[in-house]
Protein backbone atom coordinates (compact mmCIF):
# COMPACT_ATOMS: atom_id res chain seq x y z
CA MET A 1 138.08 179.56 -72.21
CA GLU A 2 141.73 180.39 -72.77
CA THR A 3 143.96 179.48 -69.84
CA ARG A 4 147.28 181.07 -68.98
CA PRO A 5 150.08 180.35 -66.51
CA LEU A 6 149.51 181.86 -63.08
CA PHE A 7 152.07 183.56 -60.84
CA LYS A 8 152.14 182.59 -57.14
CA GLY A 9 151.96 185.51 -54.75
CA LEU A 10 150.05 187.85 -57.10
CA PRO A 11 146.32 188.61 -56.93
CA PHE A 12 144.39 187.04 -59.77
CA TYR A 13 143.38 190.44 -61.14
CA ALA A 14 147.06 191.43 -61.38
CA GLN A 15 148.44 188.37 -63.16
CA HIS A 16 149.06 190.40 -66.31
CA PHE A 17 150.65 193.41 -64.53
CA ASN A 18 154.02 194.59 -65.81
CA ARG A 19 156.81 195.89 -63.55
CA GLU A 20 155.55 199.47 -63.57
CA GLN A 21 152.02 198.42 -62.69
CA ILE A 22 153.28 196.23 -59.86
CA ALA A 23 155.46 199.06 -58.51
CA ASN A 24 152.48 201.44 -58.55
CA ALA A 25 149.90 199.04 -57.16
CA GLY A 26 150.42 200.21 -53.57
CA TRP A 27 150.78 196.71 -52.15
CA ASN A 28 152.35 195.99 -48.78
CA ILE A 29 153.21 192.51 -47.56
CA LEU A 30 152.44 193.27 -43.90
CA GLN A 31 149.06 194.78 -44.73
CA GLU A 32 148.08 191.47 -46.33
CA ASP A 33 147.47 192.92 -49.77
CA LEU A 34 148.72 189.74 -51.45
CA PRO A 35 147.89 186.03 -51.38
CA LEU A 36 150.42 183.92 -49.50
CA PRO A 37 152.79 182.18 -49.77
CA CYS A 38 154.72 184.96 -51.47
CA GLY A 39 158.43 185.03 -52.28
CA ILE A 40 160.07 188.43 -51.89
CA ILE A 41 163.46 190.06 -52.43
CA LYS A 42 164.59 192.89 -50.15
CA GLN A 43 166.04 195.74 -52.18
CA ALA A 44 168.19 197.12 -49.35
CA ALA A 45 169.88 193.72 -48.93
CA LEU A 46 170.62 193.55 -52.67
CA GLN A 47 172.28 196.96 -52.47
CA GLN A 48 174.30 196.01 -49.39
CA ASN A 49 175.50 192.71 -50.87
CA SER A 50 176.41 194.36 -54.16
CA LYS A 51 178.48 196.96 -52.29
CA ARG A 52 180.24 194.21 -50.36
CA MET A 53 181.30 192.39 -53.53
CA GLU A 54 182.25 195.60 -55.34
CA GLN A 55 184.63 196.57 -52.55
CA TRP A 56 186.21 193.12 -52.54
CA LEU A 57 186.72 193.10 -56.31
CA GLN A 58 188.33 196.54 -56.26
CA ARG A 59 190.58 195.73 -53.28
CA ASN A 60 191.95 192.60 -54.98
CA ASN A 61 191.82 193.58 -58.67
CA LEU A 62 189.38 190.77 -59.41
CA LEU A 63 186.76 190.43 -62.14
CA LEU A 64 183.24 189.07 -61.78
CA ALA A 65 181.23 186.86 -64.12
CA PRO A 66 178.19 185.98 -61.96
CA HIS A 67 176.64 182.58 -62.57
CA ILE A 68 173.15 183.26 -63.92
CA LYS A 69 171.87 179.72 -63.20
CA THR A 70 171.12 181.09 -59.72
CA THR A 71 168.28 183.32 -60.88
CA MET A 72 167.76 183.09 -64.64
CA SER A 73 166.24 186.53 -64.15
CA PRO A 74 166.63 189.15 -66.90
CA GLU A 75 166.02 191.95 -64.39
CA LEU A 76 168.70 190.79 -61.96
CA ILE A 77 171.17 189.89 -64.70
CA SER A 78 170.72 193.35 -66.18
CA GLN A 79 171.47 194.84 -62.76
CA GLN A 80 174.66 192.77 -62.45
CA LEU A 81 175.90 193.89 -65.86
CA ALA A 82 175.04 197.52 -65.09
CA GLU A 83 177.06 197.25 -61.87
CA GLY A 84 180.16 196.35 -63.85
CA ALA A 85 180.26 192.58 -64.23
CA TRP A 86 183.05 191.63 -66.69
CA GLY A 87 180.87 188.87 -68.09
CA LEU A 88 178.38 186.16 -67.17
CA THR A 89 178.71 182.47 -66.34
CA VAL A 90 176.32 179.79 -67.61
CA ALA A 91 175.80 176.07 -67.09
CA ASN A 92 173.97 175.03 -70.27
CA VAL A 93 172.87 176.32 -73.66
CA THR A 94 169.58 177.73 -72.29
CA ASN A 95 171.55 179.85 -69.81
CA LEU A 96 173.89 180.76 -72.65
CA ARG A 97 171.13 182.04 -74.90
CA LEU A 98 169.81 184.31 -72.17
CA ALA A 99 173.30 185.60 -71.31
CA ALA A 100 173.96 186.49 -74.95
CA GLU A 101 170.59 188.18 -75.32
CA MET A 102 171.33 190.22 -72.19
CA GLY A 103 174.37 191.70 -73.97
CA ALA A 104 177.29 189.99 -72.24
CA SER A 105 180.46 190.19 -74.33
CA HIS A 106 182.30 187.56 -72.25
CA ILE A 107 180.49 184.36 -71.29
CA ILE A 108 181.99 181.47 -69.34
CA PHE A 109 180.40 178.12 -70.15
CA ALA A 110 181.20 176.45 -66.83
CA ASN A 111 180.71 172.93 -68.10
CA GLN A 112 181.91 170.45 -70.66
CA LEU A 113 180.26 171.14 -74.03
CA VAL A 114 179.20 167.76 -75.45
CA GLY A 115 176.35 166.49 -77.62
CA PRO A 116 175.43 167.53 -81.19
CA GLY A 117 172.29 169.38 -80.11
CA ASN A 118 174.22 171.50 -77.60
CA ILE A 119 177.13 172.18 -79.96
CA LYS A 120 174.75 173.19 -82.75
CA GLU A 121 173.04 175.71 -80.45
CA VAL A 122 176.43 177.20 -79.54
CA GLU A 123 177.47 177.50 -83.18
CA GLN A 124 174.25 179.24 -84.15
CA LEU A 125 174.59 181.67 -81.27
CA LEU A 126 178.21 182.52 -82.12
CA GLY A 127 177.13 183.34 -85.67
CA GLN A 128 174.37 185.55 -84.34
CA TYR A 129 176.69 187.39 -81.88
CA PRO A 130 180.04 187.87 -83.70
CA ASP A 131 181.46 190.08 -80.92
CA LEU A 132 180.86 187.43 -78.25
CA THR A 133 183.83 185.62 -76.69
CA LEU A 134 182.82 182.27 -75.23
CA TYR A 135 185.07 180.52 -72.72
CA LEU A 136 184.55 176.75 -72.52
CA PHE A 137 185.66 174.42 -69.73
CA ILE A 138 187.47 171.33 -71.01
CA ASP A 139 188.99 168.46 -69.06
CA SER A 140 189.74 165.68 -71.56
CA LEU A 141 190.89 164.80 -75.04
CA ASP A 142 187.54 163.06 -75.51
CA VAL A 143 185.68 166.34 -75.16
CA PHE A 144 188.16 168.09 -77.46
CA GLU A 145 187.66 165.39 -80.13
CA LEU A 146 183.91 166.02 -79.99
CA LEU A 147 184.46 169.75 -80.51
CA LYS A 148 186.84 169.14 -83.40
CA ALA A 149 184.49 166.65 -85.06
CA ALA A 150 181.66 169.19 -84.95
CA ASN A 151 183.53 171.48 -87.39
CA ILE A 152 182.37 174.62 -85.61
CA GLN A 153 182.65 177.45 -88.14
CA HIS A 154 183.04 180.18 -85.53
CA HIS A 155 185.50 178.39 -83.26
CA LYS A 156 187.82 181.42 -83.27
CA GLN A 157 185.30 182.99 -80.87
CA LEU A 158 185.86 180.05 -78.52
CA LYS A 159 188.57 180.12 -75.88
CA LEU A 160 189.23 176.94 -73.93
CA LEU A 161 189.87 176.88 -70.20
CA ILE A 162 191.56 173.77 -68.87
CA GLU A 163 189.43 172.61 -65.97
CA LEU A 164 191.48 171.33 -63.05
CA GLY A 165 189.69 169.09 -60.57
CA ALA A 166 190.12 167.36 -57.24
CA GLU A 167 189.68 163.74 -56.24
CA GLY A 168 186.06 163.23 -55.26
CA GLY A 169 185.03 166.46 -56.97
CA ARG A 170 183.14 167.02 -60.19
CA CYS A 171 184.64 167.48 -63.65
CA GLY A 172 188.29 168.46 -64.05
CA VAL A 173 191.69 167.00 -64.92
CA ARG A 174 193.10 165.26 -61.86
CA GLU A 175 196.76 165.09 -62.87
CA PRO A 176 199.06 167.91 -64.13
CA SER A 177 200.58 165.55 -66.71
CA LYS A 178 197.14 164.95 -68.23
CA ALA A 179 196.48 168.68 -68.26
CA LYS A 180 199.76 169.28 -70.09
CA GLU A 181 198.93 166.59 -72.64
CA LEU A 182 195.52 168.19 -73.22
CA ILE A 183 197.01 171.67 -73.66
CA GLU A 184 199.57 170.43 -76.18
CA SER A 185 196.91 168.62 -78.23
CA ILE A 186 194.63 171.65 -78.31
CA CYS A 187 197.42 174.00 -79.37
CA ALA A 188 198.67 171.56 -82.03
CA ASN A 189 195.21 171.74 -83.59
CA GLN A 190 195.30 175.57 -83.59
CA TRP A 191 192.62 176.09 -80.97
CA GLU A 192 193.34 178.54 -78.18
CA VAL A 193 193.85 177.64 -74.54
CA ALA A 194 193.10 180.88 -72.72
CA GLY A 195 193.65 179.80 -69.13
CA PHE A 196 192.39 177.58 -66.33
CA SER A 197 189.20 176.98 -64.41
CA ALA A 198 188.18 175.17 -61.24
CA TYR A 199 185.41 174.89 -58.69
CA GLU A 200 186.67 174.86 -55.13
CA ALA A 201 183.51 174.30 -53.05
CA VAL A 202 183.09 170.57 -53.68
CA PHE A 203 184.49 169.08 -50.50
CA GLU A 204 182.66 167.35 -47.66
CA GLY A 205 183.39 167.24 -43.96
CA SER A 206 183.32 169.66 -41.05
CA THR A 207 183.69 173.40 -41.62
CA GLU A 208 187.36 173.21 -40.68
CA GLN A 209 188.00 170.17 -42.87
CA LYS A 210 186.34 171.73 -45.89
CA GLU A 211 188.28 174.98 -45.49
CA GLN A 212 191.59 173.13 -45.25
CA ARG A 213 190.80 171.02 -48.32
CA VAL A 214 189.87 174.19 -50.24
CA ARG A 215 193.19 175.77 -49.27
CA ASP A 216 195.13 172.66 -50.28
CA PHE A 217 193.31 172.41 -53.60
CA LEU A 218 193.76 176.08 -54.48
CA ASN A 219 197.46 175.94 -53.54
CA LEU A 220 197.89 172.95 -55.85
CA LEU A 221 196.14 174.84 -58.64
CA GLU A 222 198.36 177.88 -58.14
CA THR A 223 201.53 175.79 -58.22
CA THR A 224 200.42 173.87 -61.31
CA ILE A 225 199.40 176.99 -63.22
CA LYS A 226 202.63 178.79 -62.29
CA VAL A 227 204.71 175.91 -63.64
CA PHE A 228 202.74 175.84 -66.89
CA ILE A 229 203.19 179.60 -67.35
CA GLU A 230 206.92 179.56 -66.54
CA GLN A 231 207.55 176.61 -68.84
CA GLN A 232 205.45 178.28 -71.55
CA VAL A 233 203.25 175.22 -71.84
CA ILE A 234 200.40 177.64 -72.42
CA LEU A 235 200.72 180.74 -74.65
CA PRO A 236 197.38 182.55 -74.94
CA THR A 237 197.12 185.61 -77.18
CA GLU A 238 195.58 187.66 -74.32
CA PRO A 239 196.05 187.73 -70.53
CA PHE A 240 195.63 184.36 -68.85
CA VAL A 241 192.18 183.79 -67.39
CA ILE A 242 191.92 181.95 -64.10
CA THR A 243 188.35 181.46 -62.97
CA ILE A 244 187.13 179.98 -59.71
CA GLY A 245 183.70 179.79 -58.01
CA GLY A 246 183.79 182.50 -55.42
CA SER A 247 180.62 182.58 -53.25
CA GLU A 248 181.92 180.79 -50.16
CA TYR A 249 185.73 181.17 -50.25
CA TYR A 250 186.46 184.25 -52.35
CA ASP A 251 188.88 185.60 -49.76
CA ILE A 252 190.99 182.44 -49.93
CA CYS A 253 190.82 182.49 -53.74
CA ALA A 254 192.09 186.06 -53.86
CA ALA A 255 194.97 185.37 -51.47
CA THR A 256 196.00 182.21 -53.32
CA PHE A 257 196.29 183.83 -56.75
CA ALA A 258 197.65 187.23 -55.65
CA ASP A 259 201.26 186.33 -56.55
CA LEU A 260 200.27 185.12 -60.02
CA GLN A 261 198.43 188.39 -60.60
CA GLN A 262 201.44 190.38 -59.47
CA ASN A 263 204.06 188.49 -61.49
CA PHE A 264 202.22 187.49 -64.66
CA ASP A 265 199.60 188.88 -67.02
CA VAL A 266 196.65 187.17 -65.33
CA LYS A 267 192.96 187.92 -64.93
CA VAL A 268 191.24 186.25 -61.98
CA VAL A 269 187.49 185.94 -62.54
CA LEU A 270 185.04 184.96 -59.80
CA ARG A 271 181.87 183.13 -60.88
CA SER A 272 179.83 183.79 -57.74
CA GLY A 273 176.13 183.21 -58.27
CA CYS A 274 174.81 183.89 -54.77
CA TYR A 275 176.81 186.95 -53.62
CA LEU A 276 173.90 189.28 -54.40
CA PHE A 277 171.43 187.46 -52.17
CA SER A 278 173.28 185.65 -49.35
CA ASP A 279 170.69 183.70 -47.34
CA SER A 280 169.70 182.63 -43.84
CA GLY A 281 171.75 179.42 -43.96
CA VAL A 282 174.77 178.16 -45.87
CA TYR A 283 175.86 181.47 -47.41
CA ASP A 284 175.20 183.42 -44.23
CA LYS A 285 177.60 181.06 -42.46
CA ALA A 286 180.10 181.38 -45.30
CA SER A 287 179.97 185.20 -45.15
CA LEU A 288 180.48 185.21 -41.39
CA ALA A 289 183.48 182.88 -41.83
CA ILE A 290 184.93 185.21 -44.48
CA ASP A 291 184.44 188.19 -42.16
CA GLU A 292 186.19 186.34 -39.35
CA ARG A 293 189.17 185.44 -41.56
CA LEU A 294 189.42 189.00 -42.87
CA ALA A 295 189.22 190.44 -39.35
CA ASN A 296 192.51 188.69 -38.60
CA GLU A 297 193.98 190.77 -41.44
CA GLN A 298 192.22 193.93 -40.21
CA ILE A 299 190.03 194.05 -43.33
CA THR A 300 186.37 195.02 -43.05
CA LEU A 301 183.66 194.65 -45.67
CA PRO A 302 180.00 195.69 -45.52
CA ALA A 303 178.06 192.90 -43.81
CA SER A 304 176.08 190.55 -46.01
CA GLU A 305 172.29 190.49 -45.64
CA ALA A 306 169.76 187.80 -46.50
CA ALA A 307 167.78 189.18 -49.43
CA ILE A 308 165.14 186.46 -49.86
CA GLU A 309 162.15 185.71 -47.64
CA VAL A 310 159.05 183.60 -48.16
CA TRP A 311 155.98 184.86 -46.33
CA CYS A 312 153.19 182.50 -45.35
CA TYR A 313 150.28 182.06 -42.96
CA VAL A 314 149.83 180.01 -39.83
CA LEU A 315 147.25 177.41 -40.88
CA SER A 316 146.78 175.30 -37.80
CA LYS A 317 147.90 174.64 -34.24
CA PRO A 318 146.89 170.98 -33.98
CA GLU A 319 149.07 169.96 -31.04
CA ALA A 320 150.88 171.62 -28.18
CA GLY A 321 154.23 172.89 -29.37
CA VAL A 322 153.48 172.50 -33.09
CA VAL A 323 152.35 175.11 -35.63
CA ILE A 324 151.60 174.24 -39.27
CA LEU A 325 152.63 176.89 -41.82
CA GLY A 326 151.29 177.26 -45.34
CA ALA A 327 154.51 176.97 -47.34
CA GLY A 328 156.71 174.02 -48.25
CA LYS A 329 158.97 172.32 -50.77
CA ARG A 330 157.18 174.05 -53.64
CA ASP A 331 158.14 177.45 -52.21
CA PHE A 332 161.68 177.33 -50.82
CA SER A 333 164.92 175.38 -50.95
CA TYR A 334 165.64 172.46 -48.67
CA ASP A 335 168.70 170.83 -50.26
CA LYS A 336 171.21 172.68 -48.05
CA GLY A 337 169.34 172.68 -44.79
CA LEU A 338 165.85 173.45 -43.56
CA PRO A 339 164.61 177.04 -43.71
CA LYS A 340 164.49 179.25 -40.64
CA PRO A 341 161.59 181.24 -39.19
CA LEU A 342 162.59 184.93 -39.04
CA TYR A 343 159.60 187.08 -38.05
CA THR A 344 155.97 186.78 -37.05
CA LYS A 345 153.19 189.29 -37.60
CA SER A 346 150.01 188.82 -35.62
CA ARG A 347 146.81 189.68 -37.47
CA LEU A 348 145.97 191.83 -34.44
CA ALA A 349 149.27 193.79 -34.47
CA THR A 350 150.97 196.27 -36.79
CA ASN A 351 154.61 195.45 -36.04
CA LEU A 352 156.89 192.52 -36.75
CA THR A 353 158.22 190.33 -33.95
CA LYS A 354 161.65 188.81 -34.41
CA ILE A 355 161.62 185.08 -33.76
CA ASP A 356 163.83 183.56 -31.09
CA GLN A 357 165.45 180.79 -33.12
CA ASP A 358 166.57 178.96 -30.00
CA ASN A 359 162.93 178.21 -29.20
CA TYR A 360 161.29 178.26 -32.65
CA ARG A 361 162.51 175.84 -35.31
CA ILE A 362 161.20 174.34 -38.52
CA THR A 363 161.57 170.58 -38.09
CA ARG A 364 159.92 169.10 -41.18
CA ILE A 365 158.53 170.19 -44.53
CA ASN A 366 156.00 168.76 -46.97
CA ASP A 367 155.12 169.92 -50.47
CA GLN A 368 152.85 172.75 -49.25
CA HIS A 369 153.29 172.76 -45.46
CA CYS A 370 156.00 173.00 -42.86
CA PHE A 371 156.11 172.10 -39.19
CA LEU A 372 157.22 174.85 -36.81
CA LYS A 373 158.22 173.75 -33.33
CA VAL A 374 157.17 176.39 -30.78
CA PRO A 375 157.16 176.75 -26.98
CA SER A 376 154.08 175.38 -25.24
CA ASP A 377 152.95 178.90 -24.31
CA ASP A 378 153.32 180.30 -27.84
CA GLU A 379 150.53 182.64 -28.94
CA LEU A 380 150.63 182.19 -32.73
CA LYS A 381 147.16 181.63 -34.20
CA PRO A 382 145.75 180.70 -37.60
CA GLY A 383 145.84 183.75 -39.83
CA ASP A 384 149.06 185.15 -38.34
CA MET A 385 151.96 185.68 -40.75
CA VAL A 386 155.45 184.17 -40.61
CA ALA A 387 158.53 185.16 -42.62
CA ILE A 388 160.78 182.25 -43.56
CA GLY A 389 164.48 182.61 -44.39
CA ILE A 390 165.95 180.20 -46.92
CA SER A 391 169.25 178.38 -47.31
CA HIS A 392 170.59 178.27 -50.89
CA PRO A 393 169.10 180.89 -53.26
CA CYS A 394 169.64 178.74 -56.38
CA THR A 395 166.95 176.25 -55.45
CA THR A 396 164.50 178.87 -54.26
CA PHE A 397 164.47 181.02 -57.39
CA ASP A 398 163.46 178.03 -59.52
CA LYS A 399 160.27 177.72 -57.47
CA TRP A 400 159.02 181.21 -58.38
CA ARG A 401 158.25 182.48 -61.88
CA LYS A 402 157.83 185.96 -60.46
CA MET A 403 159.16 187.43 -57.21
CA LEU A 404 158.29 190.79 -55.70
CA VAL A 405 160.89 193.33 -54.60
CA VAL A 406 160.17 195.25 -51.39
CA ASP A 407 161.62 198.20 -49.48
CA ARG A 408 162.43 198.18 -45.76
CA GLN A 409 158.75 198.74 -44.88
CA TYR A 410 157.73 195.80 -47.09
CA ASN A 411 156.13 198.03 -49.69
CA VAL A 412 156.22 196.30 -53.08
CA ILE A 413 158.35 198.47 -55.38
CA ASP A 414 159.31 196.15 -58.25
CA ALA A 415 159.23 192.58 -59.52
CA ILE A 416 161.56 190.16 -61.24
CA GLU A 417 160.91 187.06 -63.31
CA ALA A 418 162.82 183.78 -63.16
CA TRP A 419 162.99 182.07 -66.54
CA PHE A 420 163.28 178.44 -65.47
């Protein structure tokens, strides 16, 4: 018998359903029409988060090239392009192929391009998409020598962005003198340096310590870039591109580079990957911090909303104060904090009950189970449903090959695929 991959969260009879069939199936999460665990995306939250980012971009004259490694979803990437994204950001050649096939005319390769197999894939893709402009991060003469040695026929479609880094961070030139040396070598070989890139959310420490280190790092970037522009160390043929991350500190990024935008021909491009989804953890905290900083400037944006939930069943109540849920590491992220219980739905009730997170807490997770600490008088029973909120969308999407989209009543109205 022929076997095929199966999609979690879909009935077996519906494994082959397309988006239209799923939208018209009449399923509802709360009515238990689907096998659990099931990962869902809330359409209203997507719309709210998109509006929030759109207003911020317009207010600050910023561009957006969302990082597609978050979802690797053709449906969501198509939505981001339709909503006006300037381009897309990728991390590797697989991401790059999808971004090009989705029709992006500007793609930021937010990594060092090394290795003959990777470079060959890039060259083939540039030949296939002659109108594509590909921006590459570069932080060393070693990487540039590899690019030169590859004899890339279509290298005129490549624009290099000098990646500036911080001590203890990831890739990136640490010293302005090294950056200048790299720029001069690239230009002497008739390749184009189009601007600068950096990733600001790499620091450890308390919330206050991380924010201060981000401010210090971005201020150093701004000063360095300004000197290079004024001294004409860099002379791109088009407006300078400055690209930074932009999911956790996009307000600080905008403020830091506002003077450069005003005084020079500069494009500032955010590479946010998680703005569309937020979460119930790290990005929720980041959004609240942004709102608090903006409130001091009397600026208000639409509130962010967590767009992703994983629904599961109560499996067991083996001990007082402990409930075992039927979802785990295979179903949601855990690299940036444990998930949070959001709602319960008793099998005997029709309405949701919001969980008091002071008294209900997920304390441990296994591959397929998680441990929910509850009060001793809790009334959850096997067969009841629990909605779990995640922290870090990037490492939840890669656990689902298909996720269902729901409206506010939890009716299933669409589906997306994640091509990991």
